[in-house]
Amino acid sequence: MIKIPHQLATLNDHDSANRTNKFLGAKLKQEQTELVSLYCKREPKLTKPVFVEFEWHYSGKHDLDNIAFAKKYVLDGLVKAGVIPNDDQKHVVGFNDQFQKVEKGKEAVYINLVEYEE
């Protein structure tokens, strides 16, 4: 299981950055993707398709779908780190999201990659 000990940017954060300036939106995506990638660098490289289980530990009052938007950053980070070859439908076959409210400062995302046997 991979732990990202941060609360990643939400959909609201992403939209706000894009509305402010398209370059700011691109910078946010790049920073979030790089952050995830750094925590995934030592993970084994997978070649089979994966089912991705997310456990979102959050402290805010955002809607859950707003929080789960960050899976875009997670998948892009996994690709950047070389853990999965691509985040297309051939390599990622599905998701599962679970949410747990935590105290401020204890936010994290836990990612479990389950290799899919066809």
PDB file of N, CA and C in Angstrom:
ATOM      1  N   MET A   1       0.858  -1.185   0.000  1.00  0.00           N
ATOM      2  CA  MET A   1       0.000   0.000   0.000  1.00  0.00           C
ATOM      3  C   MET A   1       0.895   1.236   0.000  1.00  0.00           C
ATOM      4  N   ILE A   2       0.535   2.187  -0.814  1.00  0.00           N
ATOM      5  CA  ILE A   2       1.283   3.434  -0.940  1.00  0.00           C
ATOM      6  C   ILE A   2       0.582   4.493  -0.098  1.00  0.00           C
ATOM      7  N   LYS A   3       1.365   5.252   0.665  1.00  0.00           N
ATOM      8  CA  LYS A   3       0.799   6.340   1.467  1.00  0.00           C
ATOM      9  C   LYS A   3       1.339   7.668   0.950  1.00  0.00           C
ATOM     10  N   ILE A   4       0.426   8.578   0.635  1.00  0.00           N
ATOM     11  CA  ILE A   4       0.772   9.956   0.298  1.00  0.00           C
ATOM     12  C   ILE A   4       0.318  10.785   1.494  1.00  0.00           C
ATOM     13  N   PRO A   5       1.236  11.223   2.359  1.00  0.00           N
ATOM     14  CA  PRO A   5       0.834  11.894   3.605  1.00  0.00           C
ATOM     15  C   PRO A   5       0.492  13.375   3.404  1.00  0.00           C
ATOM     16  N   HIS A   6      -0.424  13.625   2.512  1.00  0.00           N
ATOM     17  CA  HIS A   6      -0.859  14.987   2.201  1.00  0.00           C
ATOM     18  C   HIS A   6      -2.320  14.948   1.783  1.00  0.00           C
ATOM     19  N   GLN A   7      -3.004  16.050   1.913  1.00  0.00           N
ATOM     20  CA  GLN A   7      -4.312  16.180   1.291  1.00  0.00           C
ATOM     21  C   GLN A   7      -4.063  16.813  -0.069  1.00  0.00           C
ATOM     22  N   LEU A   8      -4.345  16.072  -1.121  1.00  0.00           N
ATOM     23  CA  LEU A   8      -4.101  16.567  -2.472  1.00  0.00           C
ATOM     24  C   LEU A   8      -5.133  17.616  -2.845  1.00  0.00           C
ATOM     25  N   ALA A   9      -4.836  18.368  -3.881  1.00  0.00           N
ATOM     26  CA  ALA A   9      -5.740  19.419  -4.341  1.00  0.00           C
ATOM     27  C   ALA A   9      -7.089  18.828  -4.743  1.00  0.00           C
ATOM     28  N   THR A  10      -8.139  19.547  -4.423  1.00  0.00           N
ATOM     29  CA  THR A  10      -9.495  19.123  -4.760  1.00  0.00           C
ATOM     30  C   THR A  10      -9.885  19.665  -6.134  1.00  0.00           C
ATOM     31  N   LEU A  11     -11.046  19.254  -6.599  1.00  0.00           N
ATOM     32  CA  LEU A  11     -11.570  19.783  -7.855  1.00  0.00           C
ATOM     33  C   LEU A  11     -11.758  21.291  -7.754  1.00  0.00           C
ATOM     34  N   ASN A  12     -12.230  21.770  -6.615  1.00  0.00           N
ATOM     35  CA  ASN A  12     -12.390  23.217  -6.433  1.00  0.00           C
ATOM     36  C   ASN A  12     -11.048  23.936  -6.567  1.00  0.00           C
ATOM     37  N   ASP A  13      -9.995  23.376  -5.972  1.00  0.00           N
ATOM     38  CA  ASP A  13      -8.660  23.967  -6.082  1.00  0.00           C
ATOM     39  C   ASP A  13      -8.213  24.018  -7.545  1.00  0.00           C
ATOM     40  N   HIS A  14      -8.432  22.915  -8.232  1.00  0.00           N
ATOM     41  CA  HIS A  14      -8.049  22.793  -9.643  1.00  0.00           C
ATOM     42  C   HIS A  14      -8.798  23.816 -10.507  1.00  0.00           C
ATOM     43  N   ASP A  15     -10.120  23.893 -10.314  1.00  0.00           N
ATOM     44  CA  ASP A  15     -10.930  24.836 -11.088  1.00  0.00           C
ATOM     45  C   ASP A  15     -10.549  26.281 -10.792  1.00  0.00           C
ATOM     46  N   SER A  16     -10.313  26.572  -9.531  1.00  0.00           N
ATOM     47  CA  SER A  16      -9.936  27.930  -9.136  1.00  0.00           C
ATOM     48  C   SER A  16      -8.606  28.333  -9.780  1.00  0.00           C
ATOM     49  N   ALA A  17      -7.646  27.436  -9.771  1.00  0.00           N
ATOM     50  CA  ALA A  17      -6.344  27.722 -10.390  1.00  0.00           C
ATOM     51  C   ALA A  17      -6.503  27.963 -11.887  1.00  0.00           C
ATOM     52  N   ASN A  18      -7.312  27.137 -12.544  1.00  0.00           N
ATOM     53  CA  ASN A  18      -7.525  27.306 -13.985  1.00  0.00           C
ATOM     54  C   ASN A  18      -8.251  28.604 -14.307  1.00  0.00           C
ATOM     55  N   ARG A  19      -9.183  28.999 -13.445  1.00  0.00           N
ATOM     56  CA  ARG A  19      -9.899  30.259 -13.674  1.00  0.00           C
ATOM     57  C   ARG A  19      -8.990  31.459 -13.477  1.00  0.00           C
ATOM     58  N   THR A  20      -8.054  31.339 -12.561  1.00  0.00           N
ATOM     59  CA  THR A  20      -7.129  32.432 -12.278  1.00  0.00           C
ATOM     60  C   THR A  20      -6.183  32.645 -13.459  1.00  0.00           C
ATOM     61  N   ASN A  21      -5.617  31.538 -13.941  1.00  0.00           N
ATOM     62  CA  ASN A  21      -4.629  31.627 -15.007  1.00  0.00           C
ATOM     63  C   ASN A  21      -4.356  30.212 -15.498  1.00  0.00           C
ATOM     64  N   LYS A  22      -4.407  29.995 -16.814  1.00  0.00           N
ATOM     65  CA  LYS A  22      -4.212  28.634 -17.326  1.00  0.00           C
ATOM     66  C   LYS A  22      -2.846  28.064 -16.942  1.00  0.00           C
ATOM     67  N   PHE A  23      -1.868  28.950 -16.798  1.00  0.00           N
ATOM     68  CA  PHE A  23      -0.542  28.482 -16.403  1.00  0.00           C
ATOM     69  C   PHE A  23      -0.512  28.062 -14.934  1.00  0.00           C
ATOM     70  N   LEU A  24      -1.303  28.732 -14.113  1.00  0.00           N
ATOM     71  CA  LEU A  24      -1.396  28.363 -12.709  1.00  0.00           C
ATOM     72  C   LEU A  24      -2.059  26.992 -12.572  1.00  0.00           C
ATOM     73  N   GLY A  25      -3.080  26.733 -13.369  1.00  0.00           N
ATOM     74  CA  GLY A  25      -3.731  25.422 -13.365  1.00  0.00           C
ATOM     75  C   GLY A  25      -2.773  24.320 -13.776  1.00  0.00           C
ATOM     76  N   ALA A  26      -1.988  24.579 -14.809  1.00  0.00           N
ATOM     77  CA  ALA A  26      -1.005  23.592 -15.272  1.00  0.00           C
ATOM     78  C   ALA A  26       0.065  23.360 -14.216  1.00  0.00           C
ATOM     79  N   LYS A  27       0.466  24.429 -13.536  1.00  0.00           N
ATOM     80  CA  LYS A  27       1.475  24.317 -12.477  1.00  0.00           C
ATOM     81  C   LYS A  27       0.958  23.477 -11.312  1.00  0.00           C
ATOM     82  N   LEU A  28      -0.299  23.692 -10.921  1.00  0.00           N
ATOM     83  CA  LEU A  28      -0.903  22.909  -9.840  1.00  0.00           C
ATOM     84  C   LEU A  28      -0.904  21.434 -10.201  1.00  0.00           C
ATOM     85  N   LYS A  29      -1.334  21.099 -11.410  1.00  0.00           N
ATOM     86  CA  LYS A  29      -1.367  19.704 -11.846  1.00  0.00           C
ATOM     87  C   LYS A  29       0.033  19.104 -11.840  1.00  0.00           C
ATOM     88  N   GLN A  30       1.002  19.850 -12.338  1.00  0.00           N
ATOM     89  CA  GLN A  30       2.377  19.367 -12.374  1.00  0.00           C
ATOM     90  C   GLN A  30       2.919  19.132 -10.961  1.00  0.00           C
ATOM     91  N   GLU A  31       2.677  20.059 -10.052  1.00  0.00           N
ATOM     92  CA  GLU A  31       3.157  19.918  -8.674  1.00  0.00           C
ATOM     93  C   GLU A  31       2.511  18.734  -7.967  1.00  0.00           C
ATOM     94  N   GLN A  32       1.205  18.553  -8.139  1.00  0.00           N
ATOM     95  CA  GLN A  32       0.504  17.450  -7.487  1.00  0.00           C
ATOM     96  C   GLN A  32       0.955  16.107  -8.047  1.00  0.00           C
ATOM     97  N   THR A  33       1.129  16.045  -9.367  1.00  0.00           N
ATOM     98  CA  THR A  33       1.596  14.818 -10.014  1.00  0.00           C
ATOM     99  C   THR A  33       3.002  14.472  -9.543  1.00  0.00           C
ATOM    100  N   GLU A  34       3.883  15.464  -9.455  1.00  0.00           N
ATOM    101  CA  GLU A  34       5.258  15.255  -9.010  1.00  0.00           C
ATOM    102  C   GLU A  34       5.292  14.796  -7.550  1.00  0.00           C
ATOM    103  N   LEU A  35       4.451  15.388  -6.714  1.00  0.00           N
ATOM    104  CA  LEU A  35       4.380  14.991  -5.304  1.00  0.00           C
ATOM    105  C   LEU A  35       4.038  13.508  -5.181  1.00  0.00           C
ATOM    106  N   VAL A  36       3.010  13.083  -5.887  1.00  0.00           N
ATOM    107  CA  VAL A  36       2.617  11.673  -5.852  1.00  0.00           C
ATOM    108  C   VAL A  36       3.751  10.799  -6.386  1.00  0.00           C
ATOM    109  N   SER A  37       4.339  11.214  -7.489  1.00  0.00           N
ATOM    110  CA  SER A  37       5.421  10.447  -8.110  1.00  0.00           C
ATOM    111  C   SER A  37       6.573  10.203  -7.141  1.00  0.00           C
ATOM    112  N   LEU A  38       6.919  11.213  -6.357  1.00  0.00           N
ATOM    113  CA  LEU A  38       8.021  11.073  -5.402  1.00  0.00           C
ATOM    114  C   LEU A  38       7.755   9.981  -4.372  1.00  0.00           C
ATOM    115  N   TYR A  39       6.502   9.848  -3.948  1.00  0.00           N
ATOM    116  CA  TYR A  39       6.153   8.819  -2.961  1.00  0.00           C
ATOM    117  C   TYR A  39       6.026   7.429  -3.587  1.00  0.00           C
ATOM    118  N   CYS A  40       6.012   7.356  -4.914  1.00  0.00           N
ATOM    119  CA  CYS A  40       5.807   6.076  -5.604  1.00  0.00           C
ATOM    120  C   CYS A  40       7.073   5.533  -6.246  1.00  0.00           C
ATOM    121  N   LYS A  41       8.150   6.282  -6.221  1.00  0.00           N
ATOM    122  CA  LYS A  41       9.382   5.916  -6.943  1.00  0.00           C
ATOM    123  C   LYS A  41       9.916   4.529  -6.577  1.00  0.00           C
ATOM    124  N   ARG A  42       9.771   4.134  -5.338  1.00  0.00           N
ATOM    125  CA  ARG A  42      10.344   2.850  -4.893  1.00  0.00           C
ATOM    126  C   ARG A  42       9.384   1.678  -5.022  1.00  0.00           C
ATOM    127  N   GLU A  43       8.210   1.937  -5.535  1.00  0.00           N
ATOM    128  CA  GLU A  43       7.219   0.870  -5.689  1.00  0.00           C
ATOM    129  C   GLU A  43       7.610  -0.038  -6.858  1.00  0.00           C
ATOM    130  N   PRO A  44       7.223  -1.312  -6.785  1.00  0.00           N
ATOM    131  CA  PRO A  44       7.548  -2.218  -7.894  1.00  0.00           C
ATOM    132  C   PRO A  44       6.793  -1.819  -9.166  1.00  0.00           C
ATOM    133  N   LYS A  45       7.415  -2.085 -10.287  1.00  0.00           N
ATOM    134  CA  LYS A  45       6.809  -1.801 -11.589  1.00  0.00           C
ATOM    135  C   LYS A  45       5.809  -2.909 -11.915  1.00  0.00           C
ATOM    136  N   LEU A  46       4.602  -2.538 -12.273  1.00  0.00           N
ATOM    137  CA  LEU A  46       3.554  -3.502 -12.582  1.00  0.00           C
ATOM    138  C   LEU A  46       3.292  -3.511 -14.078  1.00  0.00           C
ATOM    139  N   THR A  47       3.046  -4.687 -14.614  1.00  0.00           N
ATOM    140  CA  THR A  47       2.783  -4.786 -16.051  1.00  0.00           C
ATOM    141  C   THR A  47       1.355  -5.232 -16.348  1.00  0.00           C
ATOM    142  N   LYS A  48       0.744  -5.924 -15.391  1.00  0.00           N
ATOM    143  CA  LYS A  48      -0.639  -6.367 -15.581  1.00  0.00           C
ATOM    144  C   LYS A  48      -1.587  -5.196 -15.314  1.00  0.00           C
ATOM    145  N   PRO A  49      -2.805  -5.263 -15.852  1.00  0.00           N
ATOM    146  CA  PRO A  49      -3.794  -4.224 -15.518  1.00  0.00           C
ATOM    147  C   PRO A  49      -4.033  -4.199 -14.006  1.00  0.00           C
ATOM    148  N   VAL A  50      -4.400  -3.026 -13.481  1.00  0.00           N
ATOM    149  CA  VAL A  50      -4.620  -2.885 -12.047  1.00  0.00           C
ATOM    150  C   VAL A  50      -6.004  -2.316 -11.750  1.00  0.00           C
ATOM    151  N   PHE A  51      -6.516  -2.718 -10.607  1.00  0.00           N
ATOM    152  CA  PHE A  51      -7.704  -2.119  -9.998  1.00  0.00           C
ATOM    153  C   PHE A  51      -7.156  -1.277  -8.866  1.00  0.00           C
ATOM    154  N   VAL A  52      -7.571  -0.013  -8.778  1.00  0.00           N
ATOM    155  CA  VAL A  52      -6.987   0.910  -7.817  1.00  0.00           C
ATOM    156  C   VAL A  52      -7.965   1.176  -6.672  1.00  0.00           C
ATOM    157  N   GLU A  53      -7.506   0.893  -5.462  1.00  0.00           N
ATOM    158  CA  GLU A  53      -8.301   1.162  -4.259  1.00  0.00           C
ATOM    159  C   GLU A  53      -7.738   2.412  -3.586  1.00  0.00           C
ATOM    160  N   PHE A  54      -8.604   3.397  -3.393  1.00  0.00           N
ATOM    161  CA  PHE A  54      -8.207   4.656  -2.757  1.00  0.00           C
ATOM    162  C   PHE A  54      -8.845   4.742  -1.382  1.00  0.00           C
ATOM    163  N   GLU A  55      -8.072   5.163  -0.401  1.00  0.00           N
ATOM    164  CA  GLU A  55      -8.598   5.477   0.921  1.00  0.00           C
ATOM    165  C   GLU A  55      -8.202   6.918   1.211  1.00  0.00           C
ATOM    166  N   TRP A  56      -9.198   7.791   1.196  1.00  0.00           N
ATOM    167  CA  TRP A  56      -8.971   9.226   1.352  1.00  0.00           C
ATOM    168  C   TRP A  56      -9.166   9.611   2.816  1.00  0.00           C
ATOM    169  N   HIS A  57      -8.115  10.043   3.472  1.00  0.00           N
ATOM    170  CA  HIS A  57      -8.194  10.547   4.841  1.00  0.00           C
ATOM    171  C   HIS A  57      -8.191  12.070   4.726  1.00  0.00           C
ATOM    172  N   TYR A  58      -9.310  12.693   5.008  1.00  0.00           N
ATOM    173  CA  TYR A  58      -9.495  14.121   4.762  1.00  0.00           C
ATOM    174  C   TYR A  58      -9.987  14.815   6.027  1.00  0.00           C
ATOM    175  N   SER A  59      -9.760  16.141   6.080  1.00  0.00           N
ATOM    176  CA  SER A  59     -10.190  16.875   7.258  1.00  0.00           C
ATOM    177  C   SER A  59     -11.186  17.987   6.936  1.00  0.00           C
ATOM    178  N   GLY A  60     -11.342  18.318   5.683  1.00  0.00           N
ATOM    179  CA  GLY A  60     -12.202  19.440   5.296  1.00  0.00           C
ATOM    180  C   GLY A  60     -13.660  19.054   5.168  1.00  0.00           C
ATOM    181  N   LYS A  61     -14.423  19.982   4.600  1.00  0.00           N
ATOM    182  CA  LYS A  61     -15.857  19.763   4.422  1.00  0.00           C
ATOM    183  C   LYS A  61     -16.239  19.621   2.952  1.00  0.00           C
ATOM    184  N   HIS A  62     -15.264  19.310   2.110  1.00  0.00           N
ATOM    185  CA  HIS A  62     -15.538  19.171   0.683  1.00  0.00           C
ATOM    186  C   HIS A  62     -16.442  17.970   0.418  1.00  0.00           C
ATOM    187  N   ASP A  63     -17.202  18.045  -0.656  1.00  0.00           N
ATOM    188  CA  ASP A  63     -17.953  16.882  -1.106  1.00  0.00           C
ATOM    189  C   ASP A  63     -16.956  15.774  -1.436  1.00  0.00           C
ATOM    190  N   LEU A  64     -17.365  14.548  -1.256  1.00  0.00           N
ATOM    191  CA  LEU A  64     -16.452  13.423  -1.451  1.00  0.00           C
ATOM    192  C   LEU A  64     -15.971  13.310  -2.894  1.00  0.00           C
ATOM    193  N   ASP A  65     -16.847  13.607  -3.861  1.00  0.00           N
ATOM    194  CA  ASP A  65     -16.423  13.543  -5.256  1.00  0.00           C
ATOM    195  C   ASP A  65     -15.385  14.630  -5.565  1.00  0.00           C
ATOM    196  N   ASN A  66     -15.446  15.728  -4.860  1.00  0.00           N
ATOM    197  CA  ASN A  66     -14.480  16.807  -5.008  1.00  0.00           C
ATOM    198  C   ASN A  66     -13.100  16.343  -4.519  1.00  0.00           C
ATOM    199  N   ILE A  67     -13.081  15.607  -3.428  1.00  0.00           N
ATOM    200  CA  ILE A  67     -11.832  15.070  -2.881  1.00  0.00           C
ATOM    201  C   ILE A  67     -11.261  14.008  -3.817  1.00  0.00           C
ATOM    202  N   ALA A  68     -12.135  13.116  -4.287  1.00  0.00           N
ATOM    203  CA  ALA A  68     -11.699  11.992  -5.122  1.00  0.00           C
ATOM    204  C   ALA A  68     -11.211  12.431  -6.497  1.00  0.00           C
ATOM    205  N   PHE A  69     -11.468  13.675  -6.876  1.00  0.00           N
ATOM    206  CA  PHE A  69     -10.932  14.201  -8.134  1.00  0.00           C
ATOM    207  C   PHE A  69      -9.412  14.027  -8.182  1.00  0.00           C
ATOM    208  N   ALA A  70      -8.769  14.055  -7.028  1.00  0.00           N
ATOM    209  CA  ALA A  70      -7.305  13.959  -6.954  1.00  0.00           C
ATOM    210  C   ALA A  70      -6.789  12.620  -7.480  1.00  0.00           C
ATOM    211  N   LYS A  71      -7.665  11.664  -7.759  1.00  0.00           N
ATOM    212  CA  LYS A  71      -7.188  10.410  -8.335  1.00  0.00           C
ATOM    213  C   LYS A  71      -6.499  10.675  -9.671  1.00  0.00           C
ATOM    214  N   LYS A  72      -6.852  11.765 -10.350  1.00  0.00           N
ATOM    215  CA  LYS A  72      -6.161  12.142 -11.583  1.00  0.00           C
ATOM    216  C   LYS A  72      -4.676  12.368 -11.297  1.00  0.00           C
ATOM    217  N   TYR A  73      -4.378  13.085 -10.231  1.00  0.00           N
ATOM    218  CA  TYR A  73      -2.983  13.325  -9.866  1.00  0.00           C
ATOM    219  C   TYR A  73      -2.285  12.028  -9.467  1.00  0.00           C
ATOM    220  N   VAL A  74      -3.013  11.173  -8.762  1.00  0.00           N
ATOM    221  CA  VAL A  74      -2.433   9.901  -8.317  1.00  0.00           C
ATOM    222  C   VAL A  74      -2.078   9.032  -9.514  1.00  0.00           C
ATOM    223  N   LEU A  75      -3.007   8.883 -10.445  1.00  0.00           N
ATOM    224  CA  LEU A  75      -2.746   8.026 -11.606  1.00  0.00           C
ATOM    225  C   LEU A  75      -1.609   8.592 -12.455  1.00  0.00           C
ATOM    226  N   ASP A  76      -1.618   9.888 -12.676  1.00  0.00           N
ATOM    227  CA  ASP A  76      -0.530  10.501 -13.438  1.00  0.00           C
ATOM    228  C   ASP A  76       0.802  10.341 -12.715  1.00  0.00           C
ATOM    229  N   GLY A  77       0.793  10.430 -11.380  1.00  0.00           N
ATOM    230  CA  GLY A  77       2.006  10.229 -10.588  1.00  0.00           C
ATOM    231  C   GLY A  77       2.514   8.800 -10.658  1.00  0.00           C
ATOM    232  N   LEU A  78       1.599   7.841 -10.668  1.00  0.00           N
ATOM    233  CA  LEU A  78       1.986   6.433 -10.798  1.00  0.00           C
ATOM    234  C   LEU A  78       2.655   6.178 -12.148  1.00  0.00           C
ATOM    235  N   VAL A  79       2.129   6.800 -13.190  1.00  0.00           N
ATOM    236  CA  VAL A  79       2.728   6.670 -14.522  1.00  0.00           C
ATOM    237  C   VAL A  79       4.098   7.340 -14.540  1.00  0.00           C
ATOM    238  N   LYS A  80       4.178   8.553 -14.027  1.00  0.00           N
ATOM    239  CA  LYS A  80       5.445   9.302 -14.005  1.00  0.00           C
ATOM    240  C   LYS A  80       6.525   8.530 -13.247  1.00  0.00           C
ATOM    241  N   ALA A  81       6.144   7.854 -12.163  1.00  0.00           N
ATOM    242  CA  ALA A  81       7.096   7.077 -11.365  1.00  0.00           C
ATOM    243  C   ALA A  81       7.432   5.732 -12.014  1.00  0.00           C
ATOM    244  N   GLY A  82       6.700   5.363 -13.070  1.00  0.00           N
ATOM    245  CA  GLY A  82       6.957   4.095 -13.753  1.00  0.00           C
ATOM    246  C   GLY A  82       6.313   2.900 -13.091  1.00  0.00           C
ATOM    247  N   VAL A  83       5.418   3.125 -12.142  1.00  0.00           N
ATOM    248  CA  VAL A  83       4.760   2.010 -11.450  1.00  0.00           C
ATOM    249  C   VAL A  83       3.780   1.312 -12.381  1.00  0.00           C
ATOM    250  N   ILE A  84       3.023   2.085 -13.147  1.00  0.00           N
ATOM    251  CA  ILE A  84       2.147   1.525 -14.182  1.00  0.00           C
ATOM    252  C   ILE A  84       2.554   2.173 -15.502  1.00  0.00           C
ATOM    253  N   PRO A  85       2.419   1.428 -16.622  1.00  0.00           N
ATOM    254  CA  PRO A  85       2.879   1.967 -17.898  1.00  0.00           C
ATOM    255  C   PRO A  85       2.017   3.117 -18.429  1.00  0.00           C
ATOM    256  N   ASN A  86       0.738   3.104 -18.097  1.00  0.00           N
ATOM    257  CA  ASN A  86      -0.193   4.110 -18.603  1.00  0.00           C
ATOM    258  C   ASN A  86      -1.421   4.099 -17.693  1.00  0.00           C
ATOM    259  N   ASP A  87      -2.225   5.158 -17.741  1.00  0.00           N
ATOM    260  CA  ASP A  87      -3.459   5.158 -16.934  1.00  0.00           C
ATOM    261  C   ASP A  87      -4.699   5.026 -17.813  1.00  0.00           C
ATOM    262  N   ASP A  88      -4.525   4.436 -18.985  1.00  0.00           N
ATOM    263  CA  ASP A  88      -5.664   4.202 -19.881  1.00  0.00           C
ATOM    264  C   ASP A  88      -6.437   2.953 -19.440  1.00  0.00           C
ATOM    265  N   GLN A  89      -7.516   2.644 -20.159  1.00  0.00           N
ATOM    266  CA  GLN A  89      -8.383   1.530 -19.776  1.00  0.00           C
ATOM    267  C   GLN A  89      -7.709   0.172 -19.923  1.00  0.00           C
ATOM    268  N   LYS A  90      -6.673   0.103 -20.707  1.00  0.00           N
ATOM    269  CA  LYS A  90      -5.937  -1.158 -20.859  1.00  0.00           C
ATOM    270  C   LYS A  90      -5.151  -1.480 -19.586  1.00  0.00           C
ATOM    271  N   HIS A  91      -4.732  -0.447 -18.855  1.00  0.00           N
ATOM    272  CA  HIS A  91      -3.873  -0.642 -17.687  1.00  0.00           C
ATOM    273  C   HIS A  91      -4.564  -0.406 -16.346  1.00  0.00           C
ATOM    274  N   VAL A  92      -5.624   0.393 -16.333  1.00  0.00           N
ATOM    275  CA  VAL A  92      -6.398   0.650 -15.115  1.00  0.00           C
ATOM    276  C   VAL A  92      -7.835   0.220 -15.394  1.00  0.00           C
ATOM    277  N   VAL A  93      -8.278  -0.832 -14.690  1.00  0.00           N
ATOM    278  CA  VAL A  93      -9.583  -1.425 -15.007  1.00  0.00           C
ATOM    279  C   VAL A  93     -10.708  -0.937 -14.098  1.00  0.00           C
ATOM    280  N   GLY A  94     -10.380  -0.195 -13.046  1.00  0.00           N
ATOM    281  CA  GLY A  94     -11.438   0.318 -12.181  1.00  0.00           C
ATOM    282  C   GLY A  94     -10.882   0.924 -10.907  1.00  0.00           C
ATOM    283  N   PHE A  95     -11.822   1.473 -10.111  1.00  0.00           N
ATOM    284  CA  PHE A  95     -11.475   2.166  -8.873  1.00  0.00           C
ATOM    285  C   PHE A  95     -12.448   1.784  -7.771  1.00  0.00           C
ATOM    286  N   ASN A  96     -11.986   2.004  -6.561  1.00  0.00           N
ATOM    287  CA  ASN A  96     -12.839   1.925  -5.387  1.00  0.00           C
ATOM    288  C   ASN A  96     -12.387   3.052  -4.463  1.00  0.00           C
ATOM    289  N   ASP A  97     -13.330   3.846  -3.978  1.00  0.00           N
ATOM    290  CA  ASP A  97     -13.007   4.952  -3.088  1.00  0.00           C
ATOM    291  C   ASP A  97     -13.627   4.716  -1.716  1.00  0.00           C
ATOM    292  N   GLN A  98     -12.815   4.908  -0.682  1.00  0.00           N
ATOM    293  CA  GLN A  98     -13.305   4.918   0.694  1.00  0.00           C
ATOM    294  C   GLN A  98     -12.826   6.214   1.332  1.00  0.00           C
ATOM    295  N   PHE A  99     -13.614   6.717   2.265  1.00  0.00           N
ATOM    296  CA  PHE A  99     -13.321   8.012   2.871  1.00  0.00           C
ATOM    297  C   PHE A  99     -13.337   7.905   4.384  1.00  0.00           C
ATOM    298  N   GLN A 100     -12.389   8.600   4.995  1.00  0.00           N
ATOM    299  CA  GLN A 100     -12.329   8.627   6.456  1.00  0.00           C
ATOM    300  C   GLN A 100     -11.993  10.045   6.897  1.00  0.00           C
ATOM    301  N   LYS A 101     -12.865  10.620   7.708  1.00  0.00           N
ATOM    302  CA  LYS A 101     -12.638  11.955   8.250  1.00  0.00           C
ATOM    303  C   LYS A 101     -11.586  11.850   9.354  1.00  0.00           C
ATOM    304  N   VAL A 102     -10.570  12.728   9.296  1.00  0.00           N
ATOM    305  CA  VAL A 102      -9.485  12.721  10.282  1.00  0.00           C
ATOM    306  C   VAL A 102      -9.251  14.140  10.792  1.00  0.00           C
ATOM    307  N   GLU A 103      -8.441  14.255  11.820  1.00  0.00           N
ATOM    308  CA  GLU A 103      -8.076  15.567  12.356  1.00  0.00           C
ATOM    309  C   GLU A 103      -7.193  16.310  11.359  1.00  0.00           C
ATOM    310  N   LYS A 104      -7.274  17.619  11.375  1.00  0.00           N
ATOM    311  CA  LYS A 104      -6.414  18.439  10.528  1.00  0.00           C
ATOM    312  C   LYS A 104      -4.952  18.097  10.835  1.00  0.00           C
ATOM    313  N   GLY A 105      -4.161  17.951   9.785  1.00  0.00           N
ATOM    314  CA  GLY A 105      -2.765  17.571   9.936  1.00  0.00           C
ATOM    315  C   GLY A 105      -2.521  16.088   9.756  1.00  0.00           C
ATOM    316  N   LYS A 106      -3.593  15.289   9.713  1.00  0.00           N
ATOM    317  CA  LYS A 106      -3.450  13.839   9.545  1.00  0.00           C
ATOM    318  C   LYS A 106      -4.002  13.373   8.198  1.00  0.00           C
ATOM    319  N   GLU A 107      -4.139  14.303   7.257  1.00  0.00           N
ATOM    320  CA  GLU A 107      -4.663  13.967   5.937  1.00  0.00           C
ATOM    321  C   GLU A 107      -3.676  13.069   5.186  1.00  0.00           C
ATOM    322  N   ALA A 108      -4.212  12.179   4.391  1.00  0.00           N
ATOM    323  CA  ALA A 108      -3.384  11.280   3.587  1.00  0.00           C
ATOM    324  C   ALA A 108      -4.253  10.594   2.539  1.00  0.00           C
ATOM    325  N   VAL A 109      -3.574  10.009   1.574  1.00  0.00           N
ATOM    326  CA  VAL A 109      -4.231   9.146   0.601  1.00  0.00           C
ATOM    327  C   VAL A 109      -3.482   7.824   0.619  1.00  0.00           C
ATOM    328  N   TYR A 110      -4.206   6.747   0.792  1.00  0.00           N
ATOM    329  CA  TYR A 110      -3.629   5.409   0.730  1.00  0.00           C
ATOM    330  C   TYR A 110      -4.084   4.780  -0.579  1.00  0.00           C
ATOM    331  N   ILE A 111      -3.122   4.211  -1.298  1.00  0.00           N
ATOM    332  CA  ILE A 111      -3.414   3.633  -2.606  1.00  0.00           C
ATOM    333  C   ILE A 111      -2.986   2.179  -2.593  1.00  0.00           C
ATOM    334  N   ASN A 112      -3.905   1.320  -2.958  1.00  0.00           N
ATOM    335  CA  ASN A 112      -3.593  -0.105  -3.092  1.00  0.00           C
ATOM    336  C   ASN A 112      -3.836  -0.489  -4.533  1.00  0.00           C
ATOM    337  N   LEU A 113      -2.819  -1.066  -5.163  1.00  0.00           N
ATOM    338  CA  LEU A 113      -2.918  -1.492  -6.555  1.00  0.00           C
ATOM    339  C   LEU A 113      -3.089  -3.008  -6.571  1.00  0.00           C
ATOM    340  N   VAL A 114      -4.222  -3.455  -7.086  1.00  0.00           N
ATOM    341  CA  VAL A 114      -4.510  -4.892  -7.162  1.00  0.00           C
ATOM    342  C   VAL A 114      -4.387  -5.325  -8.613  1.00  0.00           C
ATOM    343  N   GLU A 115      -3.410  -6.202  -8.866  1.00  0.00           N
ATOM    344  CA  GLU A 115      -3.247  -6.679 -10.241  1.00  0.00           C
ATOM    345  C   GLU A 115      -4.484  -7.473 -10.648  1.00  0.00           C
ATOM    346  N   TYR A 116      -4.961  -7.195 -11.818  1.00  0.00           N
ATOM    347  CA  TYR A 116      -6.198  -7.768 -12.340  1.00  0.00           C
ATOM    348  C   TYR A 116      -5.865  -8.968 -13.210  1.00  0.00           C
ATOM    349  N   GLU A 117      -6.458 -10.074 -12.859  1.00  0.00           N
ATOM    350  CA  GLU A 117      -6.265 -11.296 -13.659  1.00  0.00           C
ATOM    351  C   GLU A 117      -7.429 -11.423 -14.628  1.00  0.00           C
ATOM    352  N   GLU A 118      -7.123 -11.415 -15.890  1.00  0.00           N
ATOM    353  CA  GLU A 118      -8.193 -11.496 -16.911  1.00  0.00           C
ATOM    354  C   GLU A 118      -8.712 -12.896 -17.060  1.00  0.00           C
TER     355      GLU A 118
END
